C-alpha cells in the first residue's frame, strides 16, 4: 500500500491534486523520460508552481526519485531532489524520504558568517517543520486507509 501511494501520489501527482493543485503531464519534455508533470495552485496568498521530473522508479527496491523545480514569487529558485521509498519492516512498511534542496537566500552585503549561519539555521528549522507536518499528515492518511482494509488473508 505504501509503495502504491508513492507511485500514484508522488509519481503521478495524485497527492497534490488532493491538496488543491492542478496537475498536467509533461509529455513533450525530454527531462520527463521516465515521467513528470507540472503542478500549480493559484491561491492569492500562496501561489505555487512546480515542475517534477521522475529520475528513478525501481519497482524491486520500491524507490522513486525526482527532481522538482519551484517557480513563482516565493520560490527563491528552489530545486529539490528527493527519493521516496517504501521500506518493509516485519508486517508493516516505512514511508521514507531522503531529500536535499538548494534555494537563493538574500544576504546583506557585509553580513558576518555568524549572521549567514543563523539565517540558514532558521530556514532549516522552518523547512524541517514543514516536512514533519506534511509527513505526519501523510502517515495519518495512510493509517486510516490501512485501518479500513480487511486483514490479510480475508
N, C-alpha and C. Protein backbone atom coordinates (compact mmCIF):
# COMPACT_ATOMS: atom_id res chain seq x y z
N UNK A 1 0.81 -1.19 0.00
CA UNK A 1 0.00 0.00 0.00
C UNK A 1 0.86 1.27 0.00
N UNK A 2 1.96 1.28 0.75
CA UNK A 2 2.82 2.46 0.82
C UNK A 2 3.48 2.71 -0.53
N UNK A 3 3.97 1.65 -1.17
CA UNK A 3 4.61 1.81 -2.47
C UNK A 3 3.60 2.34 -3.50
N UNK A 4 2.41 1.79 -3.51
CA UNK A 4 1.37 2.25 -4.43
C UNK A 4 1.07 3.73 -4.18
N UNK A 5 1.03 4.13 -2.92
CA UNK A 5 0.79 5.52 -2.59
C UNK A 5 1.90 6.42 -3.11
N UNK A 6 3.14 5.97 -3.00
CA UNK A 6 4.28 6.76 -3.51
C UNK A 6 4.17 6.90 -5.03
N UNK A 7 3.92 5.80 -5.73
CA UNK A 7 3.85 5.84 -7.19
C UNK A 7 2.69 6.72 -7.66
N UNK A 8 1.52 6.50 -7.09
CA UNK A 8 0.35 7.27 -7.51
C UNK A 8 0.38 8.70 -6.96
N UNK A 9 0.66 8.82 -5.66
CA UNK A 9 0.60 10.12 -5.01
C UNK A 9 1.69 11.08 -5.43
N UNK A 10 2.92 10.60 -5.47
CA UNK A 10 4.05 11.45 -5.84
C UNK A 10 4.39 11.30 -7.32
N UNK A 11 4.51 10.06 -7.79
CA UNK A 11 4.91 9.80 -9.17
C UNK A 11 3.94 10.32 -10.21
N UNK A 12 2.64 10.31 -9.89
CA UNK A 12 1.63 10.80 -10.83
C UNK A 12 0.95 12.08 -10.36
N UNK A 13 1.30 12.55 -9.17
CA UNK A 13 0.78 13.82 -8.67
C UNK A 13 -0.58 13.77 -8.01
N UNK A 14 -1.13 12.57 -7.76
CA UNK A 14 -2.47 12.47 -7.16
C UNK A 14 -2.54 13.13 -5.78
N UNK A 15 -1.47 12.98 -5.00
CA UNK A 15 -1.44 13.58 -3.66
C UNK A 15 -1.59 15.10 -3.75
N UNK A 16 -0.96 15.69 -4.75
CA UNK A 16 -1.02 17.14 -4.90
C UNK A 16 -2.40 17.58 -5.41
N UNK A 17 -3.02 16.77 -6.25
CA UNK A 17 -4.38 17.07 -6.69
C UNK A 17 -5.33 17.12 -5.50
N UNK A 18 -5.14 16.20 -4.56
CA UNK A 18 -5.98 16.18 -3.36
C UNK A 18 -5.73 17.41 -2.49
N UNK A 19 -4.59 18.06 -2.66
CA UNK A 19 -4.27 19.27 -1.90
C UNK A 19 -4.68 20.54 -2.65
N UNK A 20 -5.38 20.38 -3.76
CA UNK A 20 -5.88 21.53 -4.49
C UNK A 20 -5.04 22.00 -5.66
N UNK A 21 -4.01 21.26 -6.02
CA UNK A 21 -3.18 21.61 -7.17
C UNK A 21 -3.81 21.08 -8.45
N UNK A 22 -3.52 21.75 -9.53
CA UNK A 22 -3.82 21.22 -10.85
C UNK A 22 -2.54 20.52 -11.32
N UNK A 23 -2.68 19.37 -11.94
CA UNK A 23 -1.53 18.57 -12.37
C UNK A 23 -1.68 18.25 -13.85
N UNK A 24 -0.60 18.48 -14.60
CA UNK A 24 -0.62 18.24 -16.04
C UNK A 24 0.67 17.51 -16.43
N UNK A 25 0.57 16.36 -17.10
CA UNK A 25 1.78 15.62 -17.51
C UNK A 25 2.68 16.46 -18.41
N UNK A 26 3.98 16.24 -18.30
CA UNK A 26 4.96 16.90 -19.17
C UNK A 26 5.33 15.92 -20.29
N UNK A 27 4.47 15.82 -21.27
CA UNK A 27 4.62 14.82 -22.31
C UNK A 27 5.73 15.14 -23.31
N UNK A 28 5.99 16.40 -23.57
CA UNK A 28 6.95 16.77 -24.62
C UNK A 28 8.29 17.25 -24.08
N UNK A 29 8.58 17.00 -22.83
CA UNK A 29 9.83 17.46 -22.23
C UNK A 29 10.78 16.28 -22.10
N UNK A 30 11.94 16.33 -22.75
CA UNK A 30 12.87 15.19 -22.69
C UNK A 30 13.37 14.88 -21.27
N UNK A 31 13.27 15.84 -20.35
CA UNK A 31 13.67 15.57 -18.97
C UNK A 31 12.66 14.67 -18.27
N UNK A 32 11.49 14.49 -18.87
CA UNK A 32 10.45 13.63 -18.30
C UNK A 32 10.47 12.26 -18.98
N UNK A 33 11.65 11.74 -19.24
CA UNK A 33 11.77 10.47 -19.96
C UNK A 33 11.20 9.30 -19.18
N UNK A 34 11.16 9.37 -17.86
CA UNK A 34 10.51 8.34 -17.04
C UNK A 34 9.10 8.81 -16.68
N UNK A 35 8.94 10.09 -16.53
CA UNK A 35 7.66 10.68 -16.18
C UNK A 35 7.90 12.05 -15.59
N UNK A 36 6.87 12.83 -15.53
CA UNK A 36 6.97 14.16 -14.95
C UNK A 36 5.67 14.91 -15.14
N UNK A 37 5.53 15.99 -14.40
CA UNK A 37 4.33 16.80 -14.50
C UNK A 37 4.59 18.20 -14.01
N UNK A 38 3.72 19.08 -14.47
CA UNK A 38 3.68 20.46 -13.98
C UNK A 38 2.52 20.50 -13.00
N UNK A 39 2.72 21.14 -11.88
CA UNK A 39 1.64 21.31 -10.90
C UNK A 39 1.58 22.77 -10.50
N UNK A 40 0.38 23.26 -10.26
CA UNK A 40 0.25 24.65 -9.85
C UNK A 40 -1.02 24.86 -9.05
N UNK A 41 -0.96 25.88 -8.24
CA UNK A 41 -2.08 26.30 -7.40
C UNK A 41 -2.10 27.83 -7.46
N UNK A 42 -3.27 28.39 -7.65
CA UNK A 42 -3.36 29.83 -7.89
C UNK A 42 -4.01 30.59 -6.74
N UNK A 43 -3.72 30.20 -5.49
CA UNK A 43 -4.26 30.93 -4.34
C UNK A 43 -3.58 32.29 -4.27
N UNK A 44 -4.38 33.30 -3.94
CA UNK A 44 -3.85 34.66 -3.87
C UNK A 44 -2.74 34.80 -2.84
N UNK A 45 -2.90 34.18 -1.65
CA UNK A 45 -1.87 34.34 -0.60
C UNK A 45 -0.70 33.39 -0.78
N UNK A 46 -0.89 32.30 -1.50
CA UNK A 46 0.19 31.30 -1.58
C UNK A 46 0.23 30.63 -2.96
N UNK A 47 0.53 31.41 -4.02
CA UNK A 47 0.63 30.78 -5.34
C UNK A 47 1.83 29.84 -5.37
N UNK A 48 1.73 28.78 -6.11
CA UNK A 48 2.80 27.79 -6.13
C UNK A 48 2.78 27.11 -7.50
N UNK A 49 3.94 26.98 -8.09
CA UNK A 49 4.08 26.24 -9.35
C UNK A 49 5.37 25.45 -9.30
N UNK A 50 5.30 24.21 -9.79
CA UNK A 50 6.48 23.34 -9.80
C UNK A 50 6.48 22.48 -11.06
N UNK A 51 7.66 22.07 -11.45
CA UNK A 51 7.81 21.03 -12.46
C UNK A 51 8.53 19.88 -11.78
N UNK A 52 7.97 18.68 -11.91
CA UNK A 52 8.52 17.49 -11.27
C UNK A 52 9.00 16.54 -12.36
N UNK A 53 10.23 16.07 -12.25
CA UNK A 53 10.78 15.13 -13.20
C UNK A 53 11.20 13.86 -12.47
N UNK A 54 10.60 12.74 -12.84
CA UNK A 54 10.94 11.46 -12.22
C UNK A 54 12.27 11.01 -12.81
N UNK A 55 13.24 10.70 -11.96
CA UNK A 55 14.55 10.28 -12.44
C UNK A 55 14.83 8.80 -12.14
N UNK A 56 13.98 8.18 -11.31
CA UNK A 56 14.16 6.76 -10.99
C UNK A 56 12.83 6.19 -10.51
N UNK A 57 12.52 5.02 -11.02
CA UNK A 57 11.37 4.26 -10.50
C UNK A 57 11.80 2.80 -10.48
N UNK A 58 12.15 2.33 -9.30
CA UNK A 58 12.67 0.98 -9.12
C UNK A 58 11.63 0.15 -8.37
N UNK A 59 10.91 -0.67 -9.12
CA UNK A 59 9.84 -1.49 -8.52
C UNK A 59 10.39 -2.47 -7.49
N UNK A 60 11.53 -3.08 -7.79
CA UNK A 60 12.09 -4.08 -6.88
C UNK A 60 12.52 -3.45 -5.55
N UNK A 61 13.18 -2.32 -5.62
CA UNK A 61 13.64 -1.62 -4.41
C UNK A 61 12.54 -0.74 -3.81
N UNK A 62 11.43 -0.60 -4.52
CA UNK A 62 10.32 0.28 -4.11
C UNK A 62 10.83 1.68 -3.82
N UNK A 63 11.44 2.25 -4.85
CA UNK A 63 12.08 3.55 -4.71
C UNK A 63 11.74 4.43 -5.90
N UNK A 64 11.35 5.66 -5.62
CA UNK A 64 11.02 6.64 -6.65
C UNK A 64 11.81 7.91 -6.36
N UNK A 65 12.56 8.38 -7.35
CA UNK A 65 13.34 9.60 -7.18
C UNK A 65 12.87 10.65 -8.16
N UNK A 66 12.99 11.91 -7.74
CA UNK A 66 12.55 13.00 -8.61
C UNK A 66 13.37 14.25 -8.34
N UNK A 67 13.25 15.17 -9.29
CA UNK A 67 13.83 16.50 -9.15
C UNK A 67 12.69 17.48 -9.36
N UNK A 68 12.50 18.41 -8.44
CA UNK A 68 11.42 19.38 -8.50
C UNK A 68 12.00 20.79 -8.61
N UNK A 69 11.49 21.53 -9.58
CA UNK A 69 11.86 22.93 -9.78
C UNK A 69 10.67 23.78 -9.38
N UNK A 70 10.89 24.72 -8.47
CA UNK A 70 9.82 25.59 -7.97
C UNK A 70 9.89 26.93 -8.69
N UNK A 71 8.70 27.48 -9.03
CA UNK A 71 8.60 28.76 -9.71
C UNK A 71 7.67 29.67 -8.92
N UNK A 72 7.71 30.94 -9.23
CA UNK A 72 6.81 31.88 -8.57
C UNK A 72 7.55 32.82 -7.65
N UNK A 73 6.81 33.79 -7.14
CA UNK A 73 7.39 34.87 -6.34
C UNK A 73 8.09 34.38 -5.08
N UNK A 74 7.54 33.36 -4.42
CA UNK A 74 8.10 32.88 -3.17
C UNK A 74 9.11 31.73 -3.35
N UNK A 75 9.33 31.28 -4.58
CA UNK A 75 10.13 30.07 -4.83
C UNK A 75 11.62 30.23 -4.53
N UNK A 76 12.14 31.40 -4.69
CA UNK A 76 13.57 31.67 -4.44
C UNK A 76 14.50 30.71 -5.19
N UNK A 77 14.13 30.30 -6.40
CA UNK A 77 14.99 29.42 -7.20
C UNK A 77 15.16 28.04 -6.60
N UNK A 78 14.20 27.59 -5.85
CA UNK A 78 14.31 26.30 -5.15
C UNK A 78 14.33 25.12 -6.12
N UNK A 79 15.26 24.21 -5.88
CA UNK A 79 15.35 22.94 -6.58
C UNK A 79 15.48 21.87 -5.50
N UNK A 80 14.62 20.85 -5.56
CA UNK A 80 14.64 19.78 -4.56
C UNK A 80 14.85 18.45 -5.27
N UNK A 81 15.77 17.66 -4.77
CA UNK A 81 15.97 16.28 -5.21
C UNK A 81 15.51 15.39 -4.07
N UNK A 82 14.62 14.45 -4.38
CA UNK A 82 14.05 13.60 -3.33
C UNK A 82 13.95 12.16 -3.80
N UNK A 83 14.15 11.25 -2.87
CA UNK A 83 13.92 9.83 -3.11
C UNK A 83 12.92 9.35 -2.07
N UNK A 84 11.81 8.80 -2.56
CA UNK A 84 10.76 8.24 -1.71
C UNK A 84 10.90 6.73 -1.77
N UNK A 85 10.85 6.09 -0.60
CA UNK A 85 10.99 4.64 -0.54
C UNK A 85 9.94 4.03 0.36
N UNK A 86 9.51 2.83 -0.01
CA UNK A 86 8.65 2.00 0.84
C UNK A 86 9.55 0.90 1.36
N UNK A 87 9.89 0.98 2.64
CA UNK A 87 10.87 0.07 3.23
C UNK A 87 10.15 -0.91 4.15
N UNK A 88 10.02 -2.18 3.71
CA UNK A 88 9.32 -3.16 4.55
C UNK A 88 10.06 -3.42 5.86
N UNK A 89 9.28 -3.59 6.92
CA UNK A 89 9.84 -3.99 8.22
C UNK A 89 8.78 -4.84 8.92
N UNK A 90 9.04 -6.13 8.96
CA UNK A 90 8.07 -7.04 9.55
C UNK A 90 6.78 -7.00 8.77
N UNK A 91 5.66 -6.84 9.47
CA UNK A 91 4.34 -6.81 8.82
C UNK A 91 3.96 -5.41 8.37
N UNK A 92 4.82 -4.43 8.65
CA UNK A 92 4.49 -3.05 8.26
C UNK A 92 5.50 -2.54 7.25
N UNK A 93 5.45 -1.24 7.01
CA UNK A 93 6.31 -0.64 6.00
C UNK A 93 6.60 0.80 6.38
N UNK A 94 7.84 1.21 6.23
CA UNK A 94 8.23 2.59 6.47
C UNK A 94 8.06 3.40 5.19
N UNK A 95 7.55 4.61 5.31
CA UNK A 95 7.48 5.57 4.22
C UNK A 95 8.67 6.49 4.45
N UNK A 96 9.68 6.38 3.61
CA UNK A 96 10.92 7.12 3.84
C UNK A 96 11.15 8.13 2.72
N UNK A 97 11.65 9.28 3.10
CA UNK A 97 12.03 10.29 2.12
C UNK A 97 13.42 10.79 2.47
N UNK A 98 14.28 10.77 1.47
CA UNK A 98 15.62 11.36 1.58
C UNK A 98 15.63 12.51 0.58
N UNK A 99 15.92 13.70 1.07
CA UNK A 99 15.87 14.83 0.14
C UNK A 99 16.90 15.89 0.50
N UNK A 100 17.22 16.67 -0.49
CA UNK A 100 18.04 17.86 -0.28
C UNK A 100 17.63 18.88 -1.33
N UNK A 101 17.88 20.13 -1.02
CA UNK A 101 17.47 21.18 -1.94
C UNK A 101 18.42 22.35 -1.90
N UNK A 102 18.26 23.20 -2.88
CA UNK A 102 19.01 24.45 -2.93
C UNK A 102 18.01 25.57 -3.18
N UNK A 103 18.33 26.76 -2.73
CA UNK A 103 17.48 27.92 -2.98
C UNK A 103 18.32 29.18 -2.80
N UNK A 104 17.82 30.26 -3.36
CA UNK A 104 18.50 31.55 -3.26
C UNK A 104 18.17 32.17 -1.91
N UNK A 105 19.17 32.71 -1.27
CA UNK A 105 19.00 33.36 0.02
C UNK A 105 19.54 34.78 -0.09
N UNK A 106 18.72 35.75 0.22
CA UNK A 106 19.16 37.15 0.16
C UNK A 106 19.97 37.47 1.40
N UNK A 107 21.21 37.84 1.17
CA UNK A 107 22.12 38.15 2.28
C UNK A 107 22.65 39.56 2.08
N UNK A 108 22.55 40.35 3.12
CA UNK A 108 23.02 41.74 3.04
C UNK A 108 24.53 41.75 2.82
N UNK A 109 24.97 42.71 2.02
CA UNK A 109 26.40 42.85 1.77
C UNK A 109 27.12 43.12 3.10
N UNK A 110 28.20 42.42 3.32
CA UNK A 110 28.97 42.60 4.54
C UNK A 110 28.45 41.80 5.73
N UNK A 111 27.45 40.94 5.50
CA UNK A 111 26.92 40.13 6.60
C UNK A 111 28.01 39.20 7.13
N UNK A 112 28.03 39.04 8.42
CA UNK A 112 29.05 38.19 9.05
C UNK A 112 28.73 36.71 8.81
N UNK A 113 29.73 35.85 8.88
CA UNK A 113 29.48 34.40 8.77
C UNK A 113 28.47 33.91 9.81
N UNK A 114 28.49 34.51 11.00
CA UNK A 114 27.55 34.12 12.05
C UNK A 114 26.11 34.47 11.66
N UNK A 115 25.94 35.64 11.04
CA UNK A 115 24.61 36.06 10.59
C UNK A 115 24.09 35.12 9.51
N UNK A 116 24.94 34.78 8.56
CA UNK A 116 24.55 33.85 7.49
C UNK A 116 24.20 32.49 8.09
N UNK A 117 25.03 32.00 9.00
CA UNK A 117 24.76 30.71 9.64
C UNK A 117 23.42 30.73 10.38
N UNK A 118 23.11 31.83 11.05
CA UNK A 118 21.83 31.94 11.76
C UNK A 118 20.65 31.97 10.79
N UNK A 119 20.80 32.64 9.66
CA UNK A 119 19.75 32.67 8.64
C UNK A 119 19.49 31.27 8.09
N UNK A 120 20.55 30.54 7.81
CA UNK A 120 20.42 29.19 7.26
C UNK A 120 19.81 28.26 8.31
N UNK A 121 20.23 28.39 9.56
CA UNK A 121 19.67 27.56 10.63
C UNK A 121 18.17 27.82 10.78
N UNK A 122 17.76 29.09 10.74
CA UNK A 122 16.33 29.42 10.85
C UNK A 122 15.55 28.85 9.67
N UNK A 123 16.12 28.94 8.49
CA UNK A 123 15.47 28.39 7.30
C UNK A 123 15.35 26.87 7.41
N UNK A 124 16.39 26.21 7.88
CA UNK A 124 16.35 24.75 8.05
C UNK A 124 15.28 24.33 9.05
N UNK A 125 15.14 25.08 10.13
CA UNK A 125 14.09 24.78 11.12
C UNK A 125 12.72 24.90 10.47
N UNK A 126 12.51 25.95 9.70
CA UNK A 126 11.22 26.15 9.01
C UNK A 126 10.95 25.00 8.04
N UNK A 127 11.93 24.61 7.25
CA UNK A 127 11.74 23.52 6.29
C UNK A 127 11.53 22.18 6.98
N UNK A 128 12.27 21.93 8.04
CA UNK A 128 12.09 20.68 8.79
C UNK A 128 10.69 20.62 9.40
N UNK A 129 10.20 21.74 9.91
CA UNK A 129 8.86 21.80 10.48
C UNK A 129 7.80 21.51 9.42
N UNK A 130 7.97 22.12 8.26
CA UNK A 130 7.03 21.89 7.15
C UNK A 130 7.05 20.42 6.73
N UNK A 131 8.22 19.84 6.59
CA UNK A 131 8.34 18.44 6.18
C UNK A 131 7.74 17.51 7.22
N UNK A 132 8.00 17.76 8.50
CA UNK A 132 7.44 16.93 9.57
C UNK A 132 5.92 17.00 9.58
N UNK A 133 5.37 18.20 9.42
CA UNK A 133 3.91 18.37 9.39
C UNK A 133 3.31 17.61 8.21
N UNK A 134 3.94 17.75 7.06
CA UNK A 134 3.46 17.08 5.85
C UNK A 134 3.51 15.57 6.00
N UNK A 135 4.62 15.05 6.53
CA UNK A 135 4.75 13.59 6.68
C UNK A 135 3.82 13.04 7.75
N UNK A 136 3.58 13.79 8.81
CA UNK A 136 2.62 13.35 9.83
C UNK A 136 1.21 13.25 9.25
N UNK A 137 0.85 14.22 8.42
CA UNK A 137 -0.47 14.18 7.78
C UNK A 137 -0.57 12.99 6.83
N UNK A 138 0.50 12.74 6.07
CA UNK A 138 0.51 11.60 5.14
C UNK A 138 0.41 10.29 5.90
N UNK A 139 1.11 10.20 7.01
CA UNK A 139 1.07 8.99 7.85
C UNK A 139 -0.35 8.73 8.34
N UNK A 140 -1.01 9.77 8.83
CA UNK A 140 -2.39 9.63 9.33
C UNK A 140 -3.32 9.16 8.21
N UNK A 141 -3.14 9.71 7.01
CA UNK A 141 -3.98 9.30 5.87
C UNK A 141 -3.75 7.84 5.53
N UNK A 142 -2.49 7.42 5.47
CA UNK A 142 -2.18 6.02 5.14
C UNK A 142 -2.67 5.07 6.23
N UNK A 143 -2.53 5.45 7.49
CA UNK A 143 -3.01 4.60 8.58
C UNK A 143 -4.52 4.48 8.55
N UNK A 144 -5.21 5.55 8.18
CA UNK A 144 -6.67 5.49 8.08
C UNK A 144 -7.10 4.52 6.98
N UNK A 145 -6.42 4.58 5.85
CA UNK A 145 -6.73 3.66 4.75
C UNK A 145 -6.41 2.23 5.17
N UNK A 146 -5.25 2.03 5.79
CA UNK A 146 -4.85 0.68 6.21
C UNK A 146 -5.84 0.12 7.22
N UNK A 147 -6.34 0.97 8.11
CA UNK A 147 -7.30 0.52 9.12
C UNK A 147 -8.64 0.12 8.53
N UNK A 148 -8.95 0.61 7.33
CA UNK A 148 -10.22 0.27 6.70
C UNK A 148 -10.14 -0.98 5.84
N UNK A 149 -8.93 -1.51 5.66
CA UNK A 149 -8.76 -2.71 4.84
C UNK A 149 -9.03 -3.96 5.66
N UNK A 150 -9.54 -5.02 5.02
CA UNK A 150 -9.71 -6.28 5.74
C UNK A 150 -8.35 -6.87 6.07
N UNK A 151 -8.25 -7.66 7.14
CA UNK A 151 -6.98 -8.29 7.49
C UNK A 151 -6.49 -9.18 6.34
N UNK A 152 -5.17 -9.33 6.24
CA UNK A 152 -4.59 -10.17 5.19
C UNK A 152 -5.17 -11.57 5.24
N UNK A 153 -5.44 -12.13 4.08
CA UNK A 153 -5.96 -13.48 4.02
C UNK A 153 -7.48 -13.53 3.96
N UNK A 154 -8.15 -12.42 4.13
CA UNK A 154 -9.62 -12.42 4.05
C UNK A 154 -10.09 -11.98 2.69
